[in-house]
Amino acid sequence: MTDNDWKEKLTPEQYRVLREGGTETPGTGKYVDFAEDGMYHCAACGRALFKSDTKYESTIPGLIGWPAFSEAAANDAVELKSDDSLGMARTEVVCKKCGSHLGHLFDDPSSPNGKHYCINSVCLDFAPKDNKK
């Protein structure tokens, strides 16, 4: 897709985060306090990214305010990239299908496996367990 195609498909906020690597304001996303069974998909391309049973509440200050997942839905769901923007060494999480920015991966001892996929709500679409996306 071209840049103009993405601008037509996505809302301005989705475009800013998914295509320009932005971050939504903490605590404002629709999936922060959301707890239904199902699958979270990429809002840009529809790829299945995270299962609801891997969503948890982090206790790490600075990471609270965005949906947190302990693992991706499949090995080929996301790609991890080095991100040294803003003067920090971080690991960026992008959709493996369309390359859209989703958030970052951090270590988190409050996670079931020590990993914290800190994902922007605006990057996600949710499909309840009884529906196919």
N, C-alpha and C. Protein backbone atom coordinates (compact mmCIF):
# COMPACT_ATOMS: atom_id res chain seq x y z
N MET A 1 0.84 -1.19 0.00
CA MET A 1 0.00 0.00 0.00
C MET A 1 0.88 1.25 0.00
N THR A 2 0.39 2.28 -0.63
CA THR A 2 1.11 3.55 -0.62
C THR A 2 0.77 4.32 0.65
N ASP A 3 1.54 5.36 0.90
CA ASP A 3 1.29 6.22 2.04
C ASP A 3 -0.12 6.81 1.98
N ASN A 4 -0.55 7.23 0.80
CA ASN A 4 -1.90 7.78 0.65
C ASN A 4 -2.97 6.73 0.92
N ASP A 5 -2.72 5.47 0.52
CA ASP A 5 -3.66 4.39 0.81
C ASP A 5 -3.83 4.22 2.32
N TRP A 6 -2.71 4.24 3.05
CA TRP A 6 -2.77 4.12 4.51
C TRP A 6 -3.55 5.29 5.12
N LYS A 7 -3.33 6.48 4.61
CA LYS A 7 -4.03 7.66 5.14
C LYS A 7 -5.53 7.56 4.91
N GLU A 8 -5.94 6.95 3.81
CA GLU A 8 -7.37 6.76 3.54
C GLU A 8 -7.98 5.65 4.39
N LYS A 9 -7.22 4.62 4.64
CA LYS A 9 -7.72 3.45 5.38
C LYS A 9 -7.79 3.69 6.90
N LEU A 10 -6.79 4.39 7.44
CA LEU A 10 -6.67 4.55 8.88
C LEU A 10 -7.18 5.91 9.35
N THR A 11 -7.59 5.97 10.62
CA THR A 11 -7.91 7.26 11.23
C THR A 11 -6.61 8.05 11.39
N PRO A 12 -6.68 9.36 11.58
CA PRO A 12 -5.44 10.12 11.79
C PRO A 12 -4.61 9.60 12.97
N GLU A 13 -5.24 9.21 14.06
CA GLU A 13 -4.51 8.68 15.22
C GLU A 13 -3.88 7.33 14.89
N GLN A 14 -4.61 6.46 14.21
CA GLN A 14 -4.04 5.17 13.81
C GLN A 14 -2.85 5.38 12.89
N TYR A 15 -2.97 6.28 11.95
CA TYR A 15 -1.88 6.56 11.03
C TYR A 15 -0.64 7.05 11.79
N ARG A 16 -0.85 7.97 12.72
CA ARG A 16 0.25 8.54 13.50
C ARG A 16 1.00 7.44 14.27
N VAL A 17 0.27 6.51 14.86
CA VAL A 17 0.90 5.46 15.65
C VAL A 17 1.40 4.32 14.78
N LEU A 18 0.52 3.76 13.95
CA LEU A 18 0.88 2.59 13.15
C LEU A 18 1.93 2.88 12.08
N ARG A 19 1.80 3.98 11.39
CA ARG A 19 2.68 4.24 10.25
C ARG A 19 3.84 5.19 10.57
N GLU A 20 3.67 6.03 11.61
CA GLU A 20 4.72 6.99 11.96
C GLU A 20 5.43 6.65 13.26
N GLY A 21 5.04 5.55 13.91
CA GLY A 21 5.72 5.11 15.12
C GLY A 21 5.39 5.89 16.36
N GLY A 22 4.23 6.52 16.39
CA GLY A 22 3.82 7.29 17.56
C GLY A 22 3.37 6.41 18.71
N THR A 23 2.94 7.06 19.78
CA THR A 23 2.43 6.37 20.97
C THR A 23 1.17 7.07 21.43
N GLU A 24 0.15 6.29 21.76
CA GLU A 24 -1.07 6.91 22.28
C GLU A 24 -0.85 7.32 23.73
N THR A 25 -1.62 8.26 24.20
CA THR A 25 -1.53 8.73 25.58
C THR A 25 -1.87 7.58 26.53
N PRO A 26 -1.04 7.36 27.57
CA PRO A 26 -1.31 6.24 28.49
C PRO A 26 -2.69 6.34 29.11
N GLY A 27 -3.33 5.18 29.24
CA GLY A 27 -4.63 5.09 29.89
C GLY A 27 -5.82 5.49 29.04
N THR A 28 -5.60 5.89 27.79
CA THR A 28 -6.69 6.36 26.96
C THR A 28 -7.21 5.32 25.98
N GLY A 29 -6.47 4.25 25.77
CA GLY A 29 -6.85 3.25 24.78
C GLY A 29 -8.02 2.38 25.20
N LYS A 30 -8.81 1.97 24.22
CA LYS A 30 -10.02 1.20 24.51
C LYS A 30 -9.74 -0.20 25.03
N TYR A 31 -8.54 -0.72 24.87
CA TYR A 31 -8.25 -2.08 25.32
C TYR A 31 -7.42 -2.14 26.60
N VAL A 32 -7.18 -1.02 27.26
CA VAL A 32 -6.39 -1.02 28.49
C VAL A 32 -7.09 -1.84 29.57
N ASP A 33 -8.34 -1.59 29.84
CA ASP A 33 -9.09 -2.30 30.87
C ASP A 33 -10.12 -3.25 30.27
N PHE A 34 -9.80 -3.84 29.18
CA PHE A 34 -10.69 -4.70 28.40
C PHE A 34 -10.34 -6.15 28.70
N ALA A 35 -11.35 -6.99 28.95
CA ALA A 35 -11.06 -8.37 29.36
C ALA A 35 -12.05 -9.38 28.76
N GLU A 36 -12.20 -9.39 27.45
CA GLU A 36 -13.03 -10.39 26.80
C GLU A 36 -12.16 -11.45 26.15
N ASP A 37 -12.73 -12.64 25.93
CA ASP A 37 -12.02 -13.73 25.28
C ASP A 37 -12.06 -13.56 23.78
N GLY A 38 -10.90 -13.69 23.15
CA GLY A 38 -10.84 -13.57 21.71
C GLY A 38 -9.43 -13.31 21.22
N MET A 39 -9.35 -12.67 20.07
CA MET A 39 -8.06 -12.43 19.41
C MET A 39 -7.94 -10.95 19.05
N TYR A 40 -6.76 -10.41 19.29
CA TYR A 40 -6.44 -9.05 18.90
C TYR A 40 -5.72 -9.09 17.56
N HIS A 41 -6.19 -8.29 16.61
CA HIS A 41 -5.66 -8.25 15.25
C HIS A 41 -5.05 -6.89 14.96
N CYS A 42 -4.15 -6.85 13.99
CA CYS A 42 -3.57 -5.59 13.53
C CYS A 42 -4.67 -4.74 12.90
N ALA A 43 -4.81 -3.50 13.37
CA ALA A 43 -5.84 -2.60 12.84
C ALA A 43 -5.54 -2.17 11.41
N ALA A 44 -4.30 -2.33 10.97
CA ALA A 44 -3.94 -1.93 9.61
C ALA A 44 -4.21 -3.03 8.59
N CYS A 45 -3.86 -4.28 8.92
CA CYS A 45 -3.95 -5.34 7.92
C CYS A 45 -4.79 -6.54 8.33
N GLY A 46 -5.17 -6.64 9.60
CA GLY A 46 -6.01 -7.73 10.05
C GLY A 46 -5.30 -8.97 10.54
N ARG A 47 -3.97 -9.00 10.54
CA ARG A 47 -3.23 -10.18 10.99
C ARG A 47 -3.50 -10.44 12.48
N ALA A 48 -3.70 -11.70 12.85
CA ALA A 48 -3.86 -12.08 14.25
C ALA A 48 -2.54 -11.84 14.98
N LEU A 49 -2.59 -11.09 16.08
CA LEU A 49 -1.37 -10.71 16.80
C LEU A 49 -1.26 -11.28 18.20
N PHE A 50 -2.32 -11.14 19.01
CA PHE A 50 -2.25 -11.53 20.41
C PHE A 50 -3.56 -12.20 20.84
N LYS A 51 -3.45 -13.30 21.58
CA LYS A 51 -4.61 -13.98 22.15
C LYS A 51 -4.96 -13.31 23.48
N SER A 52 -6.24 -13.26 23.76
CA SER A 52 -6.69 -12.61 24.99
C SER A 52 -6.15 -13.29 26.25
N ASP A 53 -5.88 -14.59 26.19
CA ASP A 53 -5.39 -15.27 27.39
C ASP A 53 -3.92 -14.95 27.70
N THR A 54 -3.26 -14.15 26.84
CA THR A 54 -1.90 -13.70 27.14
C THR A 54 -1.88 -12.24 27.61
N LYS A 55 -3.06 -11.63 27.74
CA LYS A 55 -3.15 -10.24 28.22
C LYS A 55 -3.10 -10.27 29.75
N TYR A 56 -2.36 -9.35 30.33
CA TYR A 56 -2.23 -9.29 31.78
C TYR A 56 -2.04 -7.84 32.21
N GLU A 57 -2.08 -7.59 33.51
CA GLU A 57 -1.87 -6.24 34.03
C GLU A 57 -0.48 -6.14 34.62
N SER A 58 0.34 -5.32 34.02
CA SER A 58 1.69 -5.11 34.51
C SER A 58 1.66 -4.29 35.80
N THR A 59 2.67 -4.49 36.62
CA THR A 59 2.81 -3.70 37.84
C THR A 59 4.01 -2.77 37.76
N ILE A 60 4.61 -2.65 36.58
CA ILE A 60 5.80 -1.83 36.40
C ILE A 60 5.40 -0.38 36.09
N PRO A 61 5.75 0.56 36.97
CA PRO A 61 5.46 1.97 36.67
C PRO A 61 6.11 2.36 35.33
N GLY A 62 5.43 3.15 34.57
CA GLY A 62 5.92 3.55 33.26
C GLY A 62 5.45 2.64 32.14
N LEU A 63 4.99 1.44 32.49
CA LEU A 63 4.45 0.52 31.49
C LEU A 63 2.95 0.31 31.67
N ILE A 64 2.39 0.92 32.69
CA ILE A 64 0.95 0.83 32.94
C ILE A 64 0.25 1.88 32.08
N GLY A 65 -0.85 1.51 31.47
CA GLY A 65 -1.59 2.48 30.66
C GLY A 65 -1.77 2.04 29.21
N TRP A 66 -1.17 0.91 28.86
CA TRP A 66 -1.33 0.33 27.53
C TRP A 66 -1.63 -1.15 27.71
N PRO A 67 -2.32 -1.78 26.76
CA PRO A 67 -2.52 -3.23 26.86
C PRO A 67 -1.18 -3.95 26.92
N ALA A 68 -1.09 -4.94 27.81
CA ALA A 68 0.13 -5.72 27.99
C ALA A 68 -0.15 -7.18 27.66
N PHE A 69 0.72 -7.77 26.87
CA PHE A 69 0.62 -9.17 26.49
C PHE A 69 1.95 -9.85 26.81
N SER A 70 1.89 -11.11 27.21
CA SER A 70 3.12 -11.83 27.53
C SER A 70 3.76 -12.49 26.32
N GLU A 71 2.98 -12.72 25.27
CA GLU A 71 3.54 -13.32 24.06
C GLU A 71 2.64 -13.06 22.86
N ALA A 72 3.22 -13.19 21.69
CA ALA A 72 2.47 -13.02 20.44
C ALA A 72 1.67 -14.29 20.16
N ALA A 73 0.65 -14.16 19.32
CA ALA A 73 -0.23 -15.29 19.00
C ALA A 73 0.50 -16.40 18.26
N ALA A 74 1.50 -16.05 17.46
CA ALA A 74 2.28 -17.03 16.70
C ALA A 74 3.67 -16.46 16.46
N ASN A 75 4.61 -17.35 16.15
CA ASN A 75 5.99 -16.91 15.91
C ASN A 75 6.11 -15.92 14.77
N ASP A 76 5.21 -16.01 13.79
CA ASP A 76 5.29 -15.12 12.63
C ASP A 76 4.31 -13.95 12.70
N ALA A 77 3.76 -13.67 13.87
CA ALA A 77 2.79 -12.58 14.00
C ALA A 77 3.46 -11.21 14.04
N VAL A 78 4.54 -11.11 14.78
CA VAL A 78 5.22 -9.82 14.95
C VAL A 78 6.70 -9.97 14.65
N GLU A 79 7.32 -8.83 14.41
CA GLU A 79 8.76 -8.77 14.20
C GLU A 79 9.33 -7.81 15.24
N LEU A 80 10.49 -8.12 15.75
CA LEU A 80 11.16 -7.28 16.74
C LEU A 80 12.32 -6.56 16.08
N LYS A 81 12.40 -5.26 16.34
CA LYS A 81 13.45 -4.43 15.74
C LYS A 81 14.11 -3.57 16.82
N SER A 82 15.38 -3.33 16.65
CA SER A 82 16.11 -2.45 17.56
C SER A 82 15.61 -1.02 17.35
N ASP A 83 15.38 -0.30 18.45
CA ASP A 83 14.87 1.07 18.39
C ASP A 83 15.67 1.91 19.38
N ASP A 84 16.49 2.81 18.86
CA ASP A 84 17.27 3.68 19.74
C ASP A 84 16.79 5.13 19.68
N SER A 85 15.54 5.32 19.25
CA SER A 85 14.97 6.67 19.20
C SER A 85 14.75 7.20 20.61
N LEU A 86 14.63 8.47 20.73
CA LEU A 86 14.39 9.16 22.00
C LEU A 86 15.51 8.92 23.01
N GLY A 87 16.70 8.53 22.51
CA GLY A 87 17.84 8.33 23.40
C GLY A 87 17.74 7.10 24.28
N MET A 88 16.85 6.15 23.92
CA MET A 88 16.68 4.93 24.71
C MET A 88 16.95 3.72 23.83
N ALA A 89 17.47 2.67 24.43
CA ALA A 89 17.63 1.40 23.72
C ALA A 89 16.40 0.56 24.03
N ARG A 90 15.55 0.36 23.00
CA ARG A 90 14.32 -0.40 23.19
C ARG A 90 14.18 -1.40 22.05
N THR A 91 13.20 -2.28 22.20
CA THR A 91 12.86 -3.22 21.15
C THR A 91 11.48 -2.89 20.63
N GLU A 92 11.41 -2.48 19.37
CA GLU A 92 10.14 -2.13 18.75
C GLU A 92 9.42 -3.40 18.30
N VAL A 93 8.10 -3.41 18.44
CA VAL A 93 7.26 -4.51 17.97
C VAL A 93 6.48 -4.01 16.76
N VAL A 94 6.62 -4.70 15.62
CA VAL A 94 5.91 -4.33 14.41
C VAL A 94 5.14 -5.54 13.88
N CYS A 95 4.07 -5.28 13.17
CA CYS A 95 3.30 -6.34 12.53
C CYS A 95 4.18 -6.96 11.43
N LYS A 96 4.32 -8.26 11.47
CA LYS A 96 5.19 -8.92 10.47
C LYS A 96 4.59 -8.87 9.07
N LYS A 97 3.27 -8.77 8.95
CA LYS A 97 2.63 -8.75 7.63
C LYS A 97 2.74 -7.39 6.95
N CYS A 98 2.42 -6.30 7.66
CA CYS A 98 2.37 -4.98 7.01
C CYS A 98 3.45 -4.00 7.49
N GLY A 99 4.22 -4.39 8.51
CA GLY A 99 5.29 -3.53 8.99
C GLY A 99 4.86 -2.38 9.86
N SER A 100 3.60 -2.37 10.29
CA SER A 100 3.11 -1.27 11.12
C SER A 100 3.67 -1.35 12.54
N HIS A 101 3.98 -0.18 13.09
CA HIS A 101 4.43 -0.07 14.48
C HIS A 101 3.27 -0.42 15.41
N LEU A 102 3.55 -1.27 16.40
CA LEU A 102 2.52 -1.66 17.38
C LEU A 102 2.84 -1.16 18.78
N GLY A 103 4.11 -1.16 19.14
CA GLY A 103 4.53 -0.78 20.49
C GLY A 103 5.95 -1.23 20.72
N HIS A 104 6.25 -1.63 21.97
CA HIS A 104 7.60 -2.06 22.33
C HIS A 104 7.55 -3.29 23.24
N LEU A 105 8.65 -4.01 23.27
CA LEU A 105 8.81 -5.19 24.12
C LEU A 105 9.77 -4.84 25.25
N PHE A 106 9.38 -5.16 26.48
CA PHE A 106 10.19 -4.90 27.66
C PHE A 106 10.29 -6.16 28.50
N ASP A 107 11.29 -6.21 29.37
CA ASP A 107 11.34 -7.24 30.40
C ASP A 107 10.39 -6.81 31.50
N ASP A 108 9.69 -7.76 32.09
CA ASP A 108 8.70 -7.44 33.13
C ASP A 108 8.54 -8.64 34.05
N PRO A 109 9.06 -8.56 35.27
CA PRO A 109 8.92 -9.69 36.20
C PRO A 109 7.48 -9.98 36.62
N SER A 110 6.56 -9.04 36.38
CA SER A 110 5.16 -9.29 36.72
C SER A 110 4.42 -10.05 35.61
N SER A 111 5.09 -10.27 34.48
CA SER A 111 4.51 -11.04 33.37
C SER A 111 4.68 -12.53 33.64
N PRO A 112 3.76 -13.34 33.13
CA PRO A 112 3.88 -14.80 33.32
C PRO A 112 5.20 -15.38 32.81
N ASN A 113 5.79 -14.78 31.78
CA ASN A 113 7.05 -15.30 31.24
C ASN A 113 8.18 -14.27 31.24
N GLY A 114 7.97 -13.16 31.93
CA GLY A 114 9.00 -12.13 32.03
C GLY A 114 9.05 -11.17 30.86
N LYS A 115 8.18 -11.34 29.87
CA LYS A 115 8.15 -10.47 28.69
C LYS A 115 6.88 -9.63 28.69
N HIS A 116 7.00 -8.39 28.23
CA HIS A 116 5.89 -7.44 28.24
C HIS A 116 5.79 -6.78 26.87
N TYR A 117 4.83 -7.22 26.09
CA TYR A 117 4.52 -6.56 24.82
C TYR A 117 3.59 -5.40 25.16
N CYS A 118 4.12 -4.21 25.15
CA CYS A 118 3.39 -2.98 25.48
C CYS A 118 2.84 -2.43 24.16
N ILE A 119 1.54 -2.63 23.92
CA ILE A 119 0.95 -2.39 22.61
C ILE A 119 -0.10 -1.28 22.69
N ASN A 120 -0.06 -0.39 21.73
CA ASN A 120 -1.05 0.70 21.65
C ASN A 120 -2.42 0.14 21.26
N SER A 121 -3.45 0.51 21.99
CA SER A 121 -4.82 0.06 21.67
C SER A 121 -5.23 0.43 20.26
N VAL A 122 -4.85 1.61 19.81
CA VAL A 122 -5.25 2.12 18.50
C VAL A 122 -4.72 1.22 17.37
N CYS A 123 -3.73 0.39 17.67
CA CYS A 123 -3.15 -0.52 16.68
C CYS A 123 -3.91 -1.83 16.57
N LEU A 124 -4.90 -2.01 17.44
CA LEU A 124 -5.58 -3.30 17.55
C LEU A 124 -7.06 -3.24 17.20
N ASP A 125 -7.53 -4.34 16.63
CA ASP A 125 -8.95 -4.62 16.49
C ASP A 125 -9.18 -5.93 17.23
N PHE A 126 -10.31 -6.04 17.89
CA PHE A 126 -10.60 -7.23 18.67
C PHE A 126 -11.72 -8.04 18.04
N ALA A 127 -11.54 -9.36 17.99
CA ALA A 127 -12.56 -10.28 17.52
C ALA A 127 -12.89 -11.23 18.67
N PRO A 128 -14.15 -11.24 19.13
CA PRO A 128 -14.53 -12.17 20.20
C PRO A 128 -14.27 -13.62 19.78
N LYS A 129 -14.08 -14.47 20.77
CA LYS A 129 -13.72 -15.86 20.52
C LYS A 129 -14.68 -16.60 19.60
N ASP A 130 -15.96 -16.28 19.68
CA ASP A 130 -16.95 -17.00 18.86
C ASP A 130 -17.05 -16.46 17.44
N ASN A 131 -16.29 -15.43 17.09
CA ASN A 131 -16.30 -14.86 15.74
C ASN A 131 -14.99 -15.15 15.05
N LYS A 132 -15.02 -15.29 13.76
CA LYS A 132 -13.81 -15.43 12.95
C LYS A 132 -13.52 -14.07 12.34
N LYS A 133 -12.28 -13.69 12.29
CA LYS A 133 -11.90 -12.42 11.66
C LYS A 133 -11.24 -12.70 10.35
